[in-house]
Structure formats: C-alpha cells, structure tokens
Amino acid sequence: SLRLLHIHQNVPGVLSKVNEIFSRHNVNIDGQFLRTDPKVGYVVIDITASEEQAGAVRDELAAIPGTLRTRVLY
C-alpha cells in the first residue's frame, strides 16, 4: 500500500482527472481524503499498486493542468 499527495489549484474537474488516471492504470484506491480552500486543494490517496504503476500514476498526476506538487509519501 502506498500513499500519494496531490496539491493543486482548486478548480472544477481536477479530482475527476486524478481518479481517471488511477482507473486507466487499473490501480485500486483504498482511501481518499480531499481538503480545499478557495485557491488550493489537496488530496491524499492510499492505493494498492506496484512500484511501476505508482511511478506511472505519479508522472501523470504531475502533468494535470493546475498541479502544484505531487509526491509519494510512503
């Protein structure tokens, strides 16, 4: 199990794009926590994935327009 962090501009559609990436890579989301303020949002996502899947997902998350930071926490 891995935990990822995605910090982004708080605009409509970002969470949908995040979840689409996990679906496309056949990665199961074990848990998800979203918090926003008027300008910035962050989502903490627990997943079950191989290191290869996690790397591909992380790279695609970083490419979402409005992304401020993406990282694997553990």
N, C-alpha and C. Protein backbone atom coordinates (compact mmCIF):
# COMPACT_ATOMS: atom_id res chain seq x y z
N SER A 1 0.84 -1.19 0.00
CA SER A 1 0.00 0.00 0.00
C SER A 1 0.89 1.25 0.00
N LEU A 2 0.50 2.23 -0.79
CA LEU A 2 1.26 3.47 -0.91
C LEU A 2 0.34 4.65 -0.63
N ARG A 3 0.92 5.75 -0.21
CA ARG A 3 0.17 6.99 -0.01
C ARG A 3 0.76 8.07 -0.89
N LEU A 4 -0.10 8.70 -1.68
CA LEU A 4 0.32 9.79 -2.57
C LEU A 4 -0.35 11.09 -2.14
N LEU A 5 0.31 12.18 -2.45
CA LEU A 5 -0.22 13.52 -2.18
C LEU A 5 -0.27 14.28 -3.49
N HIS A 6 -1.40 14.91 -3.75
CA HIS A 6 -1.56 15.75 -4.95
C HIS A 6 -2.08 17.11 -4.50
N ILE A 7 -1.28 18.15 -4.68
CA ILE A 7 -1.67 19.52 -4.34
C ILE A 7 -1.93 20.24 -5.66
N HIS A 8 -3.06 20.94 -5.72
CA HIS A 8 -3.48 21.52 -6.99
C HIS A 8 -4.25 22.82 -6.78
N GLN A 9 -4.38 23.58 -7.87
CA GLN A 9 -5.26 24.74 -7.84
C GLN A 9 -6.69 24.23 -7.69
N ASN A 10 -7.47 24.92 -6.90
CA ASN A 10 -8.84 24.49 -6.64
C ASN A 10 -9.75 24.95 -7.78
N VAL A 11 -9.81 24.12 -8.82
CA VAL A 11 -10.66 24.39 -9.98
C VAL A 11 -11.50 23.15 -10.28
N PRO A 12 -12.67 23.31 -10.88
CA PRO A 12 -13.52 22.16 -11.18
C PRO A 12 -12.83 21.15 -12.10
N GLY A 13 -13.05 19.88 -11.80
CA GLY A 13 -12.58 18.81 -12.68
C GLY A 13 -11.27 18.16 -12.30
N VAL A 14 -10.52 18.74 -11.36
CA VAL A 14 -9.21 18.16 -11.03
C VAL A 14 -9.37 16.78 -10.40
N LEU A 15 -10.25 16.64 -9.42
CA LEU A 15 -10.42 15.35 -8.76
C LEU A 15 -10.88 14.28 -9.76
N SER A 16 -11.72 14.66 -10.69
CA SER A 16 -12.14 13.73 -11.74
C SER A 16 -10.95 13.25 -12.56
N LYS A 17 -10.06 14.17 -12.92
CA LYS A 17 -8.86 13.80 -13.69
C LYS A 17 -7.94 12.90 -12.88
N VAL A 18 -7.81 13.19 -11.59
CA VAL A 18 -6.99 12.36 -10.70
C VAL A 18 -7.52 10.93 -10.69
N ASN A 19 -8.82 10.77 -10.46
CA ASN A 19 -9.40 9.43 -10.37
C ASN A 19 -9.36 8.71 -11.71
N GLU A 20 -9.49 9.42 -12.81
CA GLU A 20 -9.40 8.82 -14.15
C GLU A 20 -8.03 8.18 -14.36
N ILE A 21 -6.98 8.83 -13.88
CA ILE A 21 -5.63 8.29 -14.03
C ILE A 21 -5.50 6.95 -13.30
N PHE A 22 -6.00 6.87 -12.08
CA PHE A 22 -5.93 5.61 -11.34
C PHE A 22 -6.72 4.52 -12.07
N SER A 23 -7.88 4.86 -12.56
CA SER A 23 -8.70 3.89 -13.29
C SER A 23 -7.98 3.39 -14.54
N ARG A 24 -7.39 4.29 -15.29
CA ARG A 24 -6.71 3.92 -16.53
C ARG A 24 -5.54 2.96 -16.28
N HIS A 25 -4.90 3.08 -15.11
CA HIS A 25 -3.77 2.21 -14.77
C HIS A 25 -4.20 0.99 -13.95
N ASN A 26 -5.52 0.80 -13.80
CA ASN A 26 -6.05 -0.33 -13.06
C ASN A 26 -5.52 -0.37 -11.63
N VAL A 27 -5.45 0.80 -11.00
CA VAL A 27 -4.97 0.93 -9.62
C VAL A 27 -6.17 1.15 -8.70
N ASN A 28 -6.28 0.31 -7.67
CA ASN A 28 -7.37 0.43 -6.71
C ASN A 28 -7.08 1.53 -5.70
N ILE A 29 -8.06 2.39 -5.46
CA ILE A 29 -7.95 3.43 -4.43
C ILE A 29 -8.51 2.85 -3.14
N ASP A 30 -7.65 2.73 -2.12
CA ASP A 30 -8.08 2.19 -0.83
C ASP A 30 -8.72 3.25 0.04
N GLY A 31 -8.29 4.49 -0.10
CA GLY A 31 -8.84 5.60 0.67
C GLY A 31 -8.45 6.91 0.03
N GLN A 32 -9.27 7.93 0.29
CA GLN A 32 -9.01 9.23 -0.33
C GLN A 32 -9.53 10.32 0.60
N PHE A 33 -8.72 11.37 0.80
CA PHE A 33 -9.10 12.50 1.65
C PHE A 33 -8.84 13.78 0.88
N LEU A 34 -9.85 14.60 0.72
CA LEU A 34 -9.74 15.85 -0.02
C LEU A 34 -10.02 17.02 0.91
N ARG A 35 -9.20 18.04 0.80
CA ARG A 35 -9.43 19.29 1.54
C ARG A 35 -9.09 20.44 0.61
N THR A 36 -9.91 21.48 0.64
CA THR A 36 -9.67 22.64 -0.22
C THR A 36 -9.85 23.93 0.55
N ASP A 37 -9.25 24.98 0.02
CA ASP A 37 -9.61 26.34 0.40
C ASP A 37 -9.97 27.04 -0.91
N PRO A 38 -10.27 28.31 -0.92
CA PRO A 38 -10.70 28.93 -2.18
C PRO A 38 -9.70 28.84 -3.33
N LYS A 39 -8.41 28.71 -3.05
CA LYS A 39 -7.41 28.70 -4.12
C LYS A 39 -6.70 27.37 -4.33
N VAL A 40 -6.50 26.60 -3.25
CA VAL A 40 -5.69 25.39 -3.32
C VAL A 40 -6.46 24.21 -2.75
N GLY A 41 -6.27 23.05 -3.38
CA GLY A 41 -6.83 21.82 -2.87
C GLY A 41 -5.73 20.78 -2.72
N TYR A 42 -5.94 19.86 -1.81
CA TYR A 42 -5.01 18.74 -1.75
C TYR A 42 -5.79 17.47 -1.49
N VAL A 43 -5.30 16.40 -2.08
CA VAL A 43 -5.91 15.10 -1.91
C VAL A 43 -4.82 14.11 -1.52
N VAL A 44 -5.09 13.36 -0.46
CA VAL A 44 -4.22 12.28 -0.01
C VAL A 44 -4.90 10.99 -0.44
N ILE A 45 -4.16 10.13 -1.14
CA ILE A 45 -4.74 8.94 -1.74
C ILE A 45 -3.93 7.72 -1.33
N ASP A 46 -4.60 6.74 -0.73
CA ASP A 46 -3.98 5.46 -0.41
C ASP A 46 -4.34 4.49 -1.53
N ILE A 47 -3.31 3.82 -2.07
CA ILE A 47 -3.53 2.90 -3.19
C ILE A 47 -2.81 1.58 -2.96
N THR A 48 -3.27 0.57 -3.66
CA THR A 48 -2.55 -0.69 -3.77
C THR A 48 -2.05 -0.77 -5.20
N ALA A 49 -0.72 -0.75 -5.37
CA ALA A 49 -0.14 -0.72 -6.72
C ALA A 49 1.30 -1.18 -6.66
N SER A 50 1.78 -1.63 -7.80
CA SER A 50 3.20 -1.95 -7.92
C SER A 50 3.99 -0.65 -7.99
N GLU A 51 5.31 -0.74 -7.81
CA GLU A 51 6.14 0.46 -7.93
C GLU A 51 6.06 1.04 -9.34
N GLU A 52 5.98 0.17 -10.33
CA GLU A 52 5.88 0.62 -11.72
C GLU A 52 4.57 1.40 -11.95
N GLN A 53 3.46 0.84 -11.45
CA GLN A 53 2.17 1.53 -11.58
C GLN A 53 2.21 2.87 -10.85
N ALA A 54 2.76 2.87 -9.64
CA ALA A 54 2.81 4.10 -8.84
C ALA A 54 3.63 5.18 -9.54
N GLY A 55 4.73 4.79 -10.15
CA GLY A 55 5.56 5.76 -10.87
C GLY A 55 4.83 6.35 -12.06
N ALA A 56 4.13 5.50 -12.81
CA ALA A 56 3.37 5.98 -13.98
C ALA A 56 2.24 6.91 -13.54
N VAL A 57 1.55 6.53 -12.48
CA VAL A 57 0.46 7.36 -11.96
C VAL A 57 1.01 8.70 -11.48
N ARG A 58 2.10 8.68 -10.73
CA ARG A 58 2.69 9.92 -10.22
C ARG A 58 3.06 10.87 -11.36
N ASP A 59 3.66 10.32 -12.41
CA ASP A 59 4.04 11.16 -13.55
C ASP A 59 2.83 11.79 -14.22
N GLU A 60 1.75 11.02 -14.36
CA GLU A 60 0.55 11.57 -14.99
C GLU A 60 -0.15 12.58 -14.08
N LEU A 61 -0.14 12.32 -12.77
CA LEU A 61 -0.73 13.29 -11.84
C LEU A 61 -0.01 14.63 -11.94
N ALA A 62 1.31 14.58 -12.04
CA ALA A 62 2.11 15.80 -12.13
C ALA A 62 1.80 16.59 -13.39
N ALA A 63 1.31 15.91 -14.43
CA ALA A 63 1.03 16.57 -15.71
C ALA A 63 -0.38 17.17 -15.79
N ILE A 64 -1.22 16.94 -14.78
CA ILE A 64 -2.56 17.52 -14.80
C ILE A 64 -2.43 19.04 -14.71
N PRO A 65 -3.10 19.78 -15.61
CA PRO A 65 -3.05 21.24 -15.52
C PRO A 65 -3.52 21.73 -14.15
N GLY A 66 -2.79 22.64 -13.56
CA GLY A 66 -3.13 23.17 -12.25
C GLY A 66 -2.44 22.46 -11.10
N THR A 67 -1.69 21.40 -11.40
CA THR A 67 -0.97 20.68 -10.35
C THR A 67 0.15 21.56 -9.80
N LEU A 68 0.21 21.66 -8.48
CA LEU A 68 1.27 22.41 -7.82
C LEU A 68 2.38 21.48 -7.33
N ARG A 69 2.01 20.30 -6.86
CA ARG A 69 3.01 19.33 -6.38
C ARG A 69 2.36 17.96 -6.27
N THR A 70 3.14 16.94 -6.59
CA THR A 70 2.72 15.55 -6.44
C THR A 70 3.89 14.77 -5.86
N ARG A 71 3.59 13.94 -4.87
CA ARG A 71 4.68 13.10 -4.35
C ARG A 71 4.13 11.84 -3.71
N VAL A 72 4.98 10.82 -3.69
CA VAL A 72 4.69 9.59 -2.96
C VAL A 72 5.19 9.79 -1.55
N LEU A 73 4.29 9.70 -0.57
CA LEU A 73 4.68 9.92 0.83
C LEU A 73 5.33 8.69 1.42
N TYR A 74 4.80 7.51 1.15
CA TYR A 74 5.40 6.23 1.57
C TYR A 74 4.71 5.09 0.90
